[in-house]
Each structure stands twice: as C-alpha cells, then as structure tokens.
Protein backbone atom coordinates (compact mmCIF):
# COMPACT_ATOMS: atom_id res chain seq x y z
CA MET A 1 -29.58 29.89 -2.02
CA GLU A 2 -26.88 29.98 -4.82
CA TRP A 3 -24.26 29.49 -1.28
CA SER A 4 -26.31 26.44 0.31
CA SER A 5 -26.14 24.87 -3.31
CA LEU A 6 -22.33 25.50 -3.42
CA SER A 7 -22.39 24.18 0.23
CA LEU A 8 -24.31 21.03 -0.48
CA SER A 9 -22.01 20.36 -4.10
CA LEU A 10 -19.04 20.14 -1.94
CA LEU A 11 -20.03 17.55 0.85
CA PRO A 12 -19.08 14.77 -1.80
CA TRP A 13 -15.67 15.84 -1.56
CA ALA A 14 -15.41 15.54 2.17
CA LEU A 15 -16.80 12.21 2.03
CA ALA A 16 -14.50 11.24 -1.18
CA ALA A 17 -11.30 12.08 1.14
CA ILE A 18 -12.82 10.14 4.26
CA VAL A 19 -12.86 6.60 1.89
CA SER A 20 -9.78 7.42 0.31
CA LEU A 21 -7.73 7.64 3.45
CA PRO A 22 -7.55 4.27 4.84
CA PRO A 23 -6.65 3.08 1.27
CA ALA A 24 -4.04 5.85 1.19
CA VAL A 25 -2.33 4.76 4.32
CA LEU A 26 -2.17 1.02 3.41
CA ASP A 27 -0.59 2.20 -0.09
CA PHE A 28 1.61 3.98 1.20
CA LEU A 29 2.85 1.55 4.34
CA TYR A 30 2.28 -1.45 2.12
CA ARG A 31 1.67 -0.92 -1.49
CA SER A 32 -1.26 -2.98 -0.91
CA VAL A 33 -4.81 -2.22 -1.05
CA PRO A 34 -7.56 -4.52 -0.33
CA GLU A 35 -10.29 -3.86 -2.98
CA HIS A 36 -13.03 -3.85 -0.61
CA LEU A 37 -12.31 -0.90 1.12
CA TRP A 38 -12.98 0.88 -2.58
CA TYR A 39 -15.81 -0.74 -3.24
CA ILE A 40 -17.90 -0.59 0.21
CA GLY A 41 -16.96 2.94 0.81
CA GLY A 42 -17.33 4.15 -2.89
CA LYS A 43 -20.55 2.71 -3.19
CA VAL A 44 -21.84 4.36 0.01
CA VAL A 45 -20.44 7.37 -1.30
CA ALA A 46 -21.53 7.11 -4.54
CA VAL A 47 -25.22 7.18 -3.90
CA ILE A 48 -24.93 9.95 -1.71
CA SER A 49 -23.04 11.74 -4.22
CA PHE A 50 -25.99 11.00 -6.51
CA LEU A 51 -28.93 12.19 -4.39
CA ILE A 52 -26.92 15.67 -3.89
CA TYR A 53 -26.04 16.52 -7.45
CA LEU A 54 -29.50 15.43 -8.56
CA LYS A 55 -30.96 18.28 -5.94
CA ILE A 56 -28.53 20.72 -7.94
CA TYR A 57 -28.24 19.53 -11.42
CA PRO A 58 -30.70 18.76 -14.10
CA LEU A 59 -30.92 14.71 -14.73
CA ARG A 60 -29.78 15.38 -18.09
CA LEU A 61 -26.91 17.41 -17.47
CA LEU A 62 -25.99 15.27 -14.80
CA SER A 63 -25.76 12.48 -17.07
CA MET A 64 -23.32 13.71 -19.00
CA PHE A 65 -21.11 14.69 -15.99
CA TYR A 66 -21.30 11.02 -15.07
CA LEU A 67 -20.41 9.84 -18.89
CA GLU A 68 -17.06 12.78 -18.68
CA SER A 69 -16.23 11.33 -15.18
CA LEU A 70 -15.52 8.14 -17.07
CA VAL A 71 -12.60 9.69 -19.05
CA ALA A 72 -10.10 9.27 -15.76
CA PRO A 73 -10.82 5.63 -15.21
CA ALA A 74 -10.68 4.73 -19.13
CA ALA A 75 -7.31 6.32 -19.15
CA VAL A 76 -5.98 4.42 -16.56
CA GLY A 77 -7.23 1.34 -17.74
CA ALA A 78 -5.62 1.99 -20.64
CA SER A 79 -2.16 2.06 -18.25
CA VAL A 80 -3.28 -0.82 -16.76
CA ALA A 81 -3.62 -2.79 -19.67
CA MET A 82 -0.08 -1.43 -20.64
CA GLY A 83 1.37 -2.65 -17.49
CA LEU A 84 2.11 0.73 -16.17
CA MET A 85 -0.46 1.28 -13.75
CA GLY A 86 -1.85 -1.56 -11.17
CA ALA A 87 -5.54 -2.59 -10.64
CA GLY A 88 -5.98 -1.06 -7.67
CA ASP A 89 -5.14 2.12 -9.05
CA LEU A 90 -7.98 1.22 -11.74
CA TRP A 91 -10.22 0.63 -8.72
CA ALA A 92 -9.24 3.95 -7.01
CA SER A 93 -9.78 5.92 -10.24
CA LEU A 94 -13.13 4.56 -10.91
CA ALA A 95 -14.07 5.11 -7.03
CA ILE A 96 -13.27 8.79 -7.53
CA SER A 97 -15.31 9.08 -10.73
CA LEU A 98 -18.34 7.70 -9.16
CA MET A 99 -18.23 9.51 -5.80
CA LEU A 100 -17.48 13.00 -7.52
CA PRO A 101 -18.77 12.61 -10.69
CA ALA A 102 -19.71 16.53 -11.35
CA PRO A 103 -17.77 19.69 -10.79
CA PRO A 104 -18.88 22.05 -7.75
CA LEU A 105 -21.41 24.60 -8.69
CA GLY A 106 -20.11 26.75 -11.09
CA SER A 107 -17.09 25.02 -12.06
CA LEU A 108 -16.29 23.15 -15.01
CA MET A 109 -13.38 20.67 -14.40
CA PRO A 110 -14.48 17.00 -14.21
CA PRO A 111 -13.44 16.39 -10.73
CA SER A 112 -12.17 12.75 -11.39
CA LEU A 113 -10.10 13.88 -14.61
CA LEU A 114 -8.40 16.54 -12.27
CA VAL A 115 -7.43 14.54 -9.32
CA ILE A 116 -6.04 11.72 -11.58
CA LEU A 117 -3.94 14.23 -13.78
CA LEU A 118 -2.84 15.87 -10.39
CA ALA A 119 -1.89 12.59 -8.61
CA ALA A 120 -0.11 11.44 -11.98
CA THR A 121 1.73 14.65 -12.21
CA MET A 122 2.92 14.43 -8.40
CA GLU A 123 3.94 10.68 -8.78
CA LEU A 124 5.78 11.65 -12.12
CA ALA A 125 7.43 14.20 -10.59
CA SER A 126 8.31 13.09 -7.10
CA ARG A 127 10.20 9.77 -8.34
CA PRO A 128 13.91 11.51 -9.22
CA LEU A 129 13.78 13.29 -5.91
CA VAL A 130 12.80 10.18 -4.06
CA THR A 131 15.63 8.40 -5.90
CA ALA A 132 17.63 11.27 -5.31
CA VAL A 133 17.41 11.37 -1.35
CA THR A 134 17.04 7.59 -1.10
CA ALA A 135 20.31 7.08 -2.87
CA ALA A 136 22.22 9.89 -0.76
CA LYS A 137 20.94 8.26 2.72
CA LEU A 138 22.02 4.84 1.74
CA GLY A 139 25.70 6.49 0.50
CA LEU A 140 24.70 5.31 -2.85
CA ARG A 141 24.97 6.97 -6.50
CA ALA A 142 21.52 7.13 -7.95
CA ARG A 143 21.96 6.68 -11.97
CA GLY A 144 18.58 8.10 -13.69
CA LEU A 145 15.68 6.84 -12.03
CA SER A 146 17.33 3.50 -10.56
CA MET A 147 20.33 2.80 -8.46
CA SER A 148 22.83 -0.31 -7.20
CA VAL A 149 22.32 -1.34 -3.83
CA PRO A 150 23.75 -4.32 -1.68
CA CYS A 151 21.23 -6.88 -1.40
CA ASP A 152 22.25 -6.73 2.55
CA MET A 153 21.02 -3.07 2.47
CA ALA A 154 18.17 -3.61 -0.13
CA HIS A 155 15.35 -4.17 2.56
CA ARG A 156 15.92 -0.98 4.26
CA VAL A 157 14.17 0.62 1.25
CA ARG A 158 10.63 1.42 0.82
CA TRP A 159 8.66 1.16 -2.71
CA TRP A 160 11.63 -0.25 -4.29
CA PHE A 161 11.37 -2.73 -6.58
CA PRO A 162 13.92 -4.54 -8.94
CA GLU A 163 14.40 -3.73 -12.49
CA GLY A 164 12.72 -5.83 -14.38
CA ALA A 165 9.95 -6.60 -11.33
CA SER A 166 6.51 -5.33 -12.09
CA ALA A 167 5.95 -2.82 -9.52
CA VAL A 168 2.23 -2.94 -10.24
CA LYS A 169 1.99 -7.08 -9.30
CA GLU A 170 4.73 -7.80 -6.89
CA VAL A 171 5.20 -7.19 -3.37
CA PRO A 172 8.71 -5.42 -2.70
CA SER A 173 10.08 -7.39 -0.11
CA GLU A 174 9.37 -10.82 -2.17
CA SER A 175 10.64 -9.41 -5.44
CA ILE A 176 13.78 -8.17 -3.55
CA SER A 177 14.41 -11.77 -1.97
CA ARG A 178 14.19 -13.23 -5.34
CA ALA A 179 16.56 -11.10 -7.08
CA CYS A 180 18.86 -11.36 -4.11
CA GLN A 181 19.08 -15.35 -3.78
CA GLY A 182 22.80 -14.96 -5.02
CA GLY A 183 23.87 -12.32 -2.88
CA GLY A 184 25.79 -9.32 -4.53
CA GLU A 185 23.94 -6.40 -5.87
CA VAL A 186 20.31 -5.27 -7.09
CA ARG A 187 19.56 -2.72 -9.14
CA LEU A 188 16.15 -1.35 -7.62
CA GLN A 189 13.89 1.67 -9.14
CA VAL A 190 10.90 3.14 -7.03
CA GLY A 191 7.51 2.41 -7.49
CA MET A 192 5.64 5.31 -6.02
CA PRO A 193 2.13 4.82 -4.12
CA PHE A 194 -0.45 6.50 -6.58
CA VAL A 195 -3.37 6.01 -4.23
CA THR A 196 -2.03 8.02 -1.51
CA PHE A 197 -1.05 10.67 -4.21
CA ILE A 198 -4.64 10.85 -4.87
CA LEU A 199 -5.63 12.03 -1.22
CA ILE A 200 -3.35 14.54 -1.86
CA ALA A 201 -4.51 15.45 -5.21
CA LEU A 202 -7.94 15.95 -3.73
CA PRO A 203 -7.77 19.13 -1.85
CA LEU A 204 -5.88 20.63 -4.65
CA ALA A 205 -8.42 19.73 -7.20
CA LEU A 206 -10.92 21.35 -4.99
CA VAL A 207 -9.30 24.51 -4.76
CA LEU A 208 -8.65 24.81 -8.66
CA GLU A 209 -12.48 23.73 -8.73
CA LEU A 210 -13.28 26.61 -6.67
CA THR A 211 -10.61 29.30 -8.60
CA LEU A 212 -9.03 28.53 -11.93
CA PHE A 213 -11.87 26.38 -13.50
CA ARG A 214 -14.79 28.38 -11.95
CA VAL A 215 -17.12 30.26 -14.54
CA PRO A 216 -17.51 33.65 -13.41
C-alpha cells in the first residue's frame, strides 16, 4: 500500500516534465516561450495533481503544502520586479508550484522550491563557463561575464545581449542589431535559458526528494 501511494505521488513529476519539455526547448532555441503553453499544460496537470495528492494527504496537510509551494514563485516574482528575471520565468515557477504542490510520500522538501533553487544554481554556475567557452571559440577574450565582439561576428552567438540591454525583455538578435547600427564592436553578456534549467532540475530534485530529504 505504501509503495502504491509513493508510485502515485510520482505521477505528477512525470506529467510536469512532459509539460515543461516544449517551453524548455523553445527557451533554449529562441529565448521566448508562449505563456499559453504553461497556462494550458499547467492547468491540466494541476488538476490531476490535486486529485492525486488528495488521495494521499489529508486536506489540511495538503493545504499547507500548497501554501509552501508558493514561496518559489513569490521569490521569482520579486526577481522579476527587480528586473533580474522575466515574466516567462514567473509563469514557469507558478506552473511548477501548482503541478508539484506536495513532496513525494515520505519526503519533506517543497518540490517547487527545490526545483527553482536547483535551476537558479545551475544557471548562475553555467554563466562563467559559457562565457569562457564562447569567447574561446570566437578567438576572443572574456572579461568577467562579458566579452567584446566585432559586430560582424555578433550574430553568431546565441543567448547573448549587449550590456545595458534587458535579457528578460528583448530578443537577442534585435538588441544586437540596434547596438551595432554604427558598426565596430559590441560588449555582450550571456542571458541563460532559465526554463531549460527548470526541466533539467526536475529529475535532480526528484532524486533528492527520494534520498536526501526523505524521512527514514
């Protein structure tokens, strides 16, 4: 019976990964995710998750889990207000919190908080690596988390924005074109696809839920 309930509590994780896949691919390729993908997919899985978790947890405990799950989107919302993240990241975190409101049976950590923390950590850790590798491929020298790129080479890089441009509000190619209207060089900084990191974080978070955060 315990294994059956545990297996049931893992189903929302599989559904959340399926819903997250198209937005993650679009964010990786184009740095743009239509909000309706989260709205439609997240809404369907949120209803299924609620019905599943209602069979596992008492309603009062489940309500507490839902409140805890809102911590992650609240933190992302604060980052959006400060201009550090985009509205699409807020939609993604809200969808994750509603699709995964409760931990797997026997675990303690709020899933949405763990997923967002892992995604943010990977995103921040990858910035210097991506900057160094991209600069080396182009035969350029990176300075911190940015690099100066000749305008005739600027469109060869993906996810990069001119310094001072908003990586959460602008399309990379358009912002580079504006910055290069006079030719010369442009200093670029990388804007990583956060939704893609959310997809990567999902299986990692599940492993941690079933090991590190599991109650003996």
